Amino acid sequence: MSAVEERVPCAGEMRSYAAAFVVRVTARNRLPLDYSERSLRVVDFLIDGLRKGGAERERARETLFGLGAYVGEVLVRRAGAVWVDFDAEQRAYFGQMVGVRMPDGRVWNPLGKVDNRFVVGGPEDSLQRFYLMLHGRVRKVAAG
């Protein structure tokens, strides 16, 4: 049984879960997972590789969860989000226990977005595109 199947991390544990996932996957590969919005293209590529390689959803569950945690952490570090534990209604809607809340109060489901990319895989399911079109993110203010 994998760590994800044993117990889903709560919001307070997602940052360290994402960091441990990055260490684990970058130890074997030279993947540029640097928590930048550009790195979300790498996430798209990895998910597409899993899907095209014929990985079954159940066998890929822990990797997909790790990628979802990474995407959420990009939102935390780059877009001003915070990890939140979903309430019962949100868990029923999103099918996940945790997600992120943006500075404007909107709640997003990065774990579900990764799962959608794996299942559907169309360009509209790109994680980089999701970030770039995300409502409620903090925008960088140009010095001037």
N, C-alpha and C. Protein backbone atom coordinates (compact mmCIF):
# COMPACT_ATOMS: atom_id res chain seq x y z
N MET A 1 0.84 -1.18 0.00
CA MET A 1 0.00 0.00 0.00
C MET A 1 0.89 1.24 0.00
N SER A 2 0.57 2.21 -0.85
CA SER A 2 1.39 3.41 -0.96
C SER A 2 1.07 4.39 0.17
N ALA A 3 1.94 5.37 0.33
CA ALA A 3 1.74 6.39 1.36
C ALA A 3 0.44 7.15 1.14
N VAL A 4 0.09 7.40 -0.13
CA VAL A 4 -1.13 8.14 -0.43
C VAL A 4 -2.36 7.31 -0.05
N GLU A 5 -2.31 6.00 -0.32
CA GLU A 5 -3.45 5.15 -0.01
C GLU A 5 -3.63 4.97 1.50
N GLU A 6 -2.51 4.99 2.25
CA GLU A 6 -2.60 4.82 3.69
C GLU A 6 -3.33 6.00 4.33
N ARG A 7 -2.93 7.23 3.98
CA ARG A 7 -3.54 8.41 4.55
C ARG A 7 -3.24 9.60 3.67
N VAL A 8 -4.28 10.31 3.30
CA VAL A 8 -4.10 11.49 2.46
C VAL A 8 -3.59 12.62 3.35
N PRO A 9 -2.50 13.27 2.94
CA PRO A 9 -1.98 14.39 3.74
C PRO A 9 -3.01 15.51 3.87
N CYS A 10 -3.01 16.16 5.03
CA CYS A 10 -3.89 17.31 5.22
C CYS A 10 -3.20 18.55 4.64
N ALA A 11 -3.91 19.66 4.61
CA ALA A 11 -3.39 20.89 4.02
C ALA A 11 -2.05 21.29 4.63
N GLY A 12 -1.91 21.15 5.93
CA GLY A 12 -0.68 21.53 6.61
C GLY A 12 0.52 20.67 6.25
N GLU A 13 0.27 19.53 5.63
CA GLU A 13 1.36 18.61 5.25
C GLU A 13 1.69 18.66 3.75
N MET A 14 0.91 19.39 2.97
CA MET A 14 1.08 19.34 1.52
C MET A 14 2.40 19.97 1.06
N ARG A 15 2.84 21.03 1.69
CA ARG A 15 4.11 21.66 1.28
C ARG A 15 5.26 20.66 1.43
N SER A 16 5.34 19.98 2.56
CA SER A 16 6.43 19.02 2.75
C SER A 16 6.24 17.79 1.87
N TYR A 17 5.00 17.40 1.61
CA TYR A 17 4.76 16.27 0.70
C TYR A 17 5.26 16.61 -0.70
N ALA A 18 4.93 17.81 -1.19
CA ALA A 18 5.38 18.24 -2.52
C ALA A 18 6.90 18.29 -2.57
N ALA A 19 7.53 18.82 -1.54
CA ALA A 19 8.99 18.92 -1.51
C ALA A 19 9.64 17.54 -1.54
N ALA A 20 9.09 16.60 -0.78
CA ALA A 20 9.63 15.23 -0.77
C ALA A 20 9.45 14.57 -2.13
N PHE A 21 8.31 14.82 -2.76
CA PHE A 21 8.07 14.27 -4.11
C PHE A 21 9.11 14.81 -5.09
N VAL A 22 9.36 16.11 -5.05
CA VAL A 22 10.34 16.72 -5.96
C VAL A 22 11.72 16.10 -5.74
N VAL A 23 12.13 15.93 -4.49
CA VAL A 23 13.43 15.32 -4.20
C VAL A 23 13.48 13.90 -4.77
N ARG A 24 12.42 13.14 -4.58
CA ARG A 24 12.36 11.75 -5.04
C ARG A 24 12.45 11.66 -6.56
N VAL A 25 11.70 12.48 -7.28
CA VAL A 25 11.70 12.34 -8.75
C VAL A 25 12.89 13.01 -9.41
N THR A 26 13.46 14.02 -8.77
CA THR A 26 14.62 14.67 -9.38
C THR A 26 15.92 13.96 -9.02
N ALA A 27 15.90 13.07 -8.04
CA ALA A 27 17.11 12.31 -7.68
C ALA A 27 17.49 11.36 -8.83
N ARG A 28 16.52 10.84 -9.55
CA ARG A 28 16.77 9.90 -10.65
C ARG A 28 16.86 10.60 -11.99
N ASN A 29 16.22 11.71 -12.12
CA ASN A 29 16.14 12.41 -13.41
C ASN A 29 16.52 13.87 -13.21
N ARG A 30 16.95 14.46 -14.26
CA ARG A 30 17.31 15.89 -14.19
C ARG A 30 16.12 16.72 -14.66
N LEU A 31 15.04 16.64 -13.91
CA LEU A 31 13.82 17.37 -14.26
C LEU A 31 13.86 18.76 -13.64
N PRO A 32 13.54 19.77 -14.42
CA PRO A 32 13.55 21.14 -13.89
C PRO A 32 12.27 21.49 -13.12
N LEU A 33 12.09 20.82 -11.99
CA LEU A 33 10.93 21.11 -11.14
C LEU A 33 11.36 22.14 -10.11
N ASP A 34 11.28 23.41 -10.50
CA ASP A 34 11.77 24.51 -9.67
C ASP A 34 10.64 25.40 -9.13
N TYR A 35 9.41 24.91 -9.18
CA TYR A 35 8.23 25.63 -8.69
C TYR A 35 7.91 26.88 -9.50
N SER A 36 8.40 26.94 -10.72
CA SER A 36 8.08 28.07 -11.60
C SER A 36 6.86 27.70 -12.45
N GLU A 37 6.23 28.74 -13.01
CA GLU A 37 5.11 28.44 -13.92
C GLU A 37 5.60 27.68 -15.15
N ARG A 38 6.84 27.94 -15.58
CA ARG A 38 7.41 27.21 -16.72
C ARG A 38 7.52 25.72 -16.44
N SER A 39 7.78 25.36 -15.19
CA SER A 39 7.93 23.94 -14.84
C SER A 39 6.63 23.17 -15.00
N LEU A 40 5.51 23.87 -15.09
CA LEU A 40 4.24 23.17 -15.29
C LEU A 40 4.17 22.52 -16.67
N ARG A 41 4.96 23.00 -17.63
CA ARG A 41 5.08 22.31 -18.92
C ARG A 41 5.70 20.93 -18.73
N VAL A 42 6.65 20.83 -17.81
CA VAL A 42 7.27 19.54 -17.49
C VAL A 42 6.22 18.61 -16.90
N VAL A 43 5.38 19.14 -16.02
CA VAL A 43 4.31 18.34 -15.42
C VAL A 43 3.38 17.83 -16.52
N ASP A 44 2.99 18.70 -17.46
CA ASP A 44 2.16 18.26 -18.59
C ASP A 44 2.84 17.11 -19.34
N PHE A 45 4.13 17.27 -19.61
CA PHE A 45 4.90 16.27 -20.34
C PHE A 45 4.96 14.94 -19.58
N LEU A 46 5.18 15.01 -18.27
CA LEU A 46 5.24 13.79 -17.46
C LEU A 46 3.91 13.05 -17.44
N ILE A 47 2.83 13.80 -17.28
CA ILE A 47 1.50 13.17 -17.26
C ILE A 47 1.18 12.56 -18.61
N ASP A 48 1.50 13.29 -19.68
CA ASP A 48 1.26 12.74 -21.02
C ASP A 48 2.06 11.47 -21.24
N GLY A 49 3.29 11.44 -20.73
CA GLY A 49 4.13 10.25 -20.85
C GLY A 49 3.54 9.05 -20.12
N LEU A 50 3.01 9.29 -18.93
CA LEU A 50 2.35 8.21 -18.18
C LEU A 50 1.17 7.66 -18.97
N ARG A 51 0.36 8.57 -19.50
CA ARG A 51 -0.85 8.16 -20.22
C ARG A 51 -0.48 7.40 -21.50
N LYS A 52 0.43 7.99 -22.28
CA LYS A 52 0.81 7.36 -23.55
C LYS A 52 1.57 6.06 -23.34
N GLY A 53 2.25 5.95 -22.19
CA GLY A 53 2.97 4.72 -21.87
C GLY A 53 2.06 3.61 -21.39
N GLY A 54 0.78 3.90 -21.30
CA GLY A 54 -0.19 2.88 -20.91
C GLY A 54 -0.33 2.65 -19.42
N ALA A 55 0.13 3.59 -18.62
CA ALA A 55 0.01 3.44 -17.17
C ALA A 55 -1.47 3.41 -16.77
N GLU A 56 -1.80 2.49 -15.90
CA GLU A 56 -3.16 2.44 -15.38
C GLU A 56 -3.29 3.48 -14.28
N ARG A 57 -4.45 4.03 -14.17
CA ARG A 57 -4.71 5.10 -13.19
C ARG A 57 -4.34 4.66 -11.78
N GLU A 58 -4.71 3.46 -11.40
CA GLU A 58 -4.42 2.98 -10.05
C GLU A 58 -2.92 2.85 -9.81
N ARG A 59 -2.19 2.38 -10.79
CA ARG A 59 -0.74 2.21 -10.64
C ARG A 59 -0.03 3.57 -10.63
N ALA A 60 -0.62 4.54 -11.28
CA ALA A 60 -0.03 5.88 -11.36
C ALA A 60 -0.53 6.80 -10.25
N ARG A 61 -1.39 6.32 -9.38
CA ARG A 61 -2.07 7.16 -8.39
C ARG A 61 -1.09 7.98 -7.54
N GLU A 62 -0.05 7.35 -7.01
CA GLU A 62 0.88 8.06 -6.13
C GLU A 62 1.66 9.13 -6.91
N THR A 63 2.07 8.82 -8.13
CA THR A 63 2.78 9.80 -8.96
C THR A 63 1.86 10.96 -9.29
N LEU A 64 0.63 10.67 -9.67
CA LEU A 64 -0.32 11.73 -9.99
C LEU A 64 -0.60 12.60 -8.77
N PHE A 65 -0.71 11.98 -7.60
CA PHE A 65 -0.92 12.76 -6.38
C PHE A 65 0.27 13.67 -6.13
N GLY A 66 1.47 13.14 -6.31
CA GLY A 66 2.68 13.95 -6.13
C GLY A 66 2.74 15.12 -7.10
N LEU A 67 2.38 14.85 -8.35
CA LEU A 67 2.35 15.93 -9.35
C LEU A 67 1.29 16.97 -8.99
N GLY A 68 0.14 16.52 -8.49
CA GLY A 68 -0.90 17.45 -8.05
C GLY A 68 -0.45 18.29 -6.87
N ALA A 69 0.28 17.66 -5.95
CA ALA A 69 0.82 18.41 -4.81
C ALA A 69 1.83 19.45 -5.30
N TYR A 70 2.63 19.06 -6.29
CA TYR A 70 3.60 20.00 -6.86
C TYR A 70 2.89 21.18 -7.52
N VAL A 71 1.86 20.91 -8.31
CA VAL A 71 1.11 21.98 -8.98
C VAL A 71 0.50 22.91 -7.92
N GLY A 72 -0.08 22.33 -6.88
CA GLY A 72 -0.63 23.15 -5.81
C GLY A 72 0.43 24.01 -5.15
N GLU A 73 1.62 23.45 -4.96
CA GLU A 73 2.69 24.21 -4.33
C GLU A 73 3.19 25.32 -5.24
N VAL A 74 3.15 25.12 -6.56
CA VAL A 74 3.46 26.22 -7.48
C VAL A 74 2.46 27.35 -7.27
N LEU A 75 1.19 27.01 -7.11
CA LEU A 75 0.17 28.03 -6.86
C LEU A 75 0.43 28.75 -5.54
N VAL A 76 0.87 28.02 -4.54
CA VAL A 76 1.17 28.63 -3.25
C VAL A 76 2.36 29.59 -3.38
N ARG A 77 3.42 29.12 -4.01
CA ARG A 77 4.65 29.91 -4.08
C ARG A 77 4.59 31.05 -5.08
N ARG A 78 3.86 30.87 -6.16
CA ARG A 78 3.91 31.85 -7.26
C ARG A 78 2.63 32.67 -7.43
N ALA A 79 1.51 32.18 -6.90
CA ALA A 79 0.24 32.86 -7.16
C ALA A 79 -0.45 33.34 -5.89
N GLY A 80 0.18 33.15 -4.74
CA GLY A 80 -0.39 33.66 -3.49
C GLY A 80 -1.43 32.77 -2.86
N ALA A 81 -1.53 31.52 -3.29
CA ALA A 81 -2.52 30.60 -2.73
C ALA A 81 -2.07 30.07 -1.37
N VAL A 82 -2.99 29.45 -0.65
CA VAL A 82 -2.70 28.72 0.58
C VAL A 82 -3.39 27.37 0.49
N TRP A 83 -2.73 26.35 1.04
CA TRP A 83 -3.35 25.02 1.10
C TRP A 83 -4.51 25.06 2.09
N VAL A 84 -5.61 24.40 1.75
CA VAL A 84 -6.77 24.32 2.65
C VAL A 84 -7.31 22.90 2.64
N ASP A 85 -7.84 22.49 3.80
CA ASP A 85 -8.60 21.25 3.88
C ASP A 85 -10.00 21.56 3.41
N PHE A 86 -10.49 20.79 2.46
CA PHE A 86 -11.85 21.01 1.97
C PHE A 86 -12.87 20.59 3.02
N ASP A 87 -13.99 21.33 3.06
CA ASP A 87 -15.09 20.93 3.91
C ASP A 87 -15.85 19.80 3.20
N ALA A 88 -16.85 19.25 3.84
CA ALA A 88 -17.56 18.09 3.30
C ALA A 88 -18.16 18.37 1.92
N GLU A 89 -18.74 19.55 1.76
CA GLU A 89 -19.35 19.90 0.47
C GLU A 89 -18.29 20.01 -0.63
N GLN A 90 -17.17 20.63 -0.31
CA GLN A 90 -16.08 20.76 -1.28
C GLN A 90 -15.48 19.39 -1.61
N ARG A 91 -15.33 18.53 -0.60
CA ARG A 91 -14.80 17.17 -0.86
C ARG A 91 -15.71 16.42 -1.81
N ALA A 92 -17.02 16.56 -1.60
CA ALA A 92 -17.97 15.88 -2.49
C ALA A 92 -17.88 16.44 -3.90
N TYR A 93 -17.74 17.74 -4.03
CA TYR A 93 -17.69 18.38 -5.35
C TYR A 93 -16.39 18.07 -6.09
N PHE A 94 -15.25 18.24 -5.39
CA PHE A 94 -13.95 18.08 -6.03
C PHE A 94 -13.43 16.64 -6.03
N GLY A 95 -13.93 15.82 -5.12
CA GLY A 95 -13.42 14.46 -5.03
C GLY A 95 -12.03 14.39 -4.42
N GLN A 96 -11.64 15.41 -3.68
CA GLN A 96 -10.33 15.48 -3.03
C GLN A 96 -10.51 16.01 -1.61
N MET A 97 -9.51 15.75 -0.79
CA MET A 97 -9.55 16.20 0.60
C MET A 97 -8.95 17.60 0.79
N VAL A 98 -8.03 17.98 -0.10
CA VAL A 98 -7.32 19.26 0.03
C VAL A 98 -7.29 19.99 -1.30
N GLY A 99 -7.07 21.28 -1.21
CA GLY A 99 -6.93 22.11 -2.39
C GLY A 99 -6.26 23.41 -1.99
N VAL A 100 -6.41 24.42 -2.81
CA VAL A 100 -5.82 25.72 -2.50
C VAL A 100 -6.87 26.82 -2.58
N ARG A 101 -6.65 27.84 -1.74
CA ARG A 101 -7.50 29.03 -1.77
C ARG A 101 -6.64 30.18 -2.26
N MET A 102 -7.17 30.89 -3.26
CA MET A 102 -6.44 32.01 -3.85
C MET A 102 -6.68 33.27 -3.01
N PRO A 103 -5.87 34.29 -3.23
CA PRO A 103 -6.03 35.54 -2.46
C PRO A 103 -7.42 36.15 -2.58
N ASP A 104 -8.12 35.91 -3.69
CA ASP A 104 -9.46 36.47 -3.85
C ASP A 104 -10.54 35.59 -3.22
N GLY A 105 -10.15 34.48 -2.58
CA GLY A 105 -11.09 33.60 -1.90
C GLY A 105 -11.54 32.40 -2.72
N ARG A 106 -11.24 32.37 -4.01
CA ARG A 106 -11.63 31.23 -4.83
C ARG A 106 -10.84 29.99 -4.43
N VAL A 107 -11.50 28.85 -4.51
CA VAL A 107 -10.88 27.58 -4.17
C VAL A 107 -10.66 26.78 -5.44
N TRP A 108 -9.45 26.19 -5.56
CA TRP A 108 -9.10 25.40 -6.74
C TRP A 108 -8.61 24.02 -6.31
N ASN A 109 -8.65 23.10 -7.26
CA ASN A 109 -8.36 21.70 -7.02
C ASN A 109 -7.20 21.22 -7.90
N PRO A 110 -5.95 21.51 -7.54
CA PRO A 110 -4.84 21.10 -8.41
C PRO A 110 -4.70 19.59 -8.53
N LEU A 111 -5.06 18.83 -7.49
CA LEU A 111 -4.98 17.38 -7.57
C LEU A 111 -5.94 16.85 -8.64
N GLY A 112 -7.12 17.42 -8.68
CA GLY A 112 -8.11 17.02 -9.69
C GLY A 112 -7.70 17.47 -11.08
N LYS A 113 -7.04 18.63 -11.18
CA LYS A 113 -6.57 19.10 -12.49
C LYS A 113 -5.55 18.14 -13.07
N VAL A 114 -4.65 17.63 -12.24
CA VAL A 114 -3.66 16.65 -12.70
C VAL A 114 -4.36 15.37 -13.14
N ASP A 115 -5.35 14.94 -12.37
CA ASP A 115 -6.09 13.74 -12.73
C ASP A 115 -6.81 13.92 -14.06
N ASN A 116 -7.42 15.10 -14.27
CA ASN A 116 -8.09 15.38 -15.55
C ASN A 116 -7.10 15.32 -16.71
N ARG A 117 -5.90 15.87 -16.52
CA ARG A 117 -4.89 15.84 -17.58
C ARG A 117 -4.54 14.39 -17.93
N PHE A 118 -4.45 13.54 -16.91
CA PHE A 118 -4.13 12.13 -17.14
C PHE A 118 -5.26 11.43 -17.89
N VAL A 119 -6.50 11.67 -17.49
CA VAL A 119 -7.64 10.98 -18.08
C VAL A 119 -7.96 11.50 -19.47
N VAL A 120 -8.02 12.82 -19.64
CA VAL A 120 -8.45 13.42 -20.90
C VAL A 120 -7.27 13.78 -21.79
N GLY A 121 -6.33 14.52 -21.24
CA GLY A 121 -5.09 14.81 -21.93
C GLY A 121 -5.13 15.81 -23.06
N GLY A 122 -6.20 16.55 -23.19
CA GLY A 122 -6.27 17.55 -24.25
C GLY A 122 -5.53 18.82 -23.88
N PRO A 123 -5.26 19.67 -24.87
CA PRO A 123 -4.55 20.93 -24.59
C PRO A 123 -5.28 21.81 -23.58
N GLU A 124 -6.59 21.71 -23.53
CA GLU A 124 -7.35 22.52 -22.57
C GLU A 124 -7.12 22.05 -21.13
N ASP A 125 -6.51 20.87 -20.95
CA ASP A 125 -6.22 20.35 -19.63
C ASP A 125 -4.77 20.59 -19.21
N SER A 126 -4.06 21.42 -19.95
CA SER A 126 -2.67 21.75 -19.63
C SER A 126 -2.58 22.43 -18.27
N LEU A 127 -1.64 21.98 -17.46
CA LEU A 127 -1.44 22.60 -16.15
C LEU A 127 -0.80 23.97 -16.28
N GLN A 128 0.05 24.17 -17.26
CA GLN A 128 0.63 25.49 -17.48
C GLN A 128 -0.47 26.47 -17.91
N ARG A 129 -1.34 26.02 -18.79
CA ARG A 129 -2.45 26.87 -19.23
C ARG A 129 -3.37 27.19 -18.05
N PHE A 130 -3.63 26.19 -17.22
CA PHE A 130 -4.45 26.38 -16.02
C PHE A 130 -3.87 27.52 -15.18
N TYR A 131 -2.57 27.49 -14.95
CA TYR A 131 -1.92 28.53 -14.16
C TYR A 131 -2.07 29.90 -14.82
N LEU A 132 -1.78 29.96 -16.11
CA LEU A 132 -1.79 31.24 -16.80
C LEU A 132 -3.18 31.86 -16.89
N MET A 133 -4.22 31.03 -16.88
CA MET A 133 -5.59 31.53 -16.98
C MET A 133 -6.29 31.59 -15.62
N LEU A 134 -5.57 31.30 -14.57
CA LEU A 134 -6.13 31.18 -13.24
C LEU A 134 -6.65 32.52 -12.73
N HIS A 135 -7.89 32.52 -12.32
CA HIS A 135 -8.48 33.70 -11.68
C HIS A 135 -8.03 33.78 -10.25
N GLY A 136 -7.81 34.98 -9.80
CA GLY A 136 -7.52 35.21 -8.39
C GLY A 136 -6.06 35.11 -8.00
N ARG A 137 -5.17 34.90 -8.96
CA ARG A 137 -3.77 34.79 -8.57
C ARG A 137 -3.16 36.19 -8.42
N VAL A 138 -2.13 36.25 -7.62
CA VAL A 138 -1.40 37.49 -7.43
C VAL A 138 -0.63 37.77 -8.70
N ARG A 139 -0.73 38.96 -9.17
CA ARG A 139 0.01 39.34 -10.38
C ARG A 139 1.23 40.16 -9.95
N LYS A 140 2.32 39.92 -10.62
CA LYS A 140 3.54 40.66 -10.33
C LYS A 140 3.35 42.11 -10.75
N VAL A 141 3.76 43.01 -9.91
CA VAL A 141 3.65 44.44 -10.21
C VAL A 141 5.00 44.88 -10.73
N ALA A 142 5.00 45.48 -11.91
CA ALA A 142 6.24 45.96 -12.52
C ALA A 142 6.74 47.19 -11.78
N ALA A 143 8.03 47.18 -11.51
CA ALA A 143 8.64 48.35 -10.87
C ALA A 143 8.69 49.48 -11.87
N GLY A 144 8.43 50.65 -11.43
CA GLY A 144 8.49 51.66 -12.45
C GLY A 144 8.30 52.99 -12.02
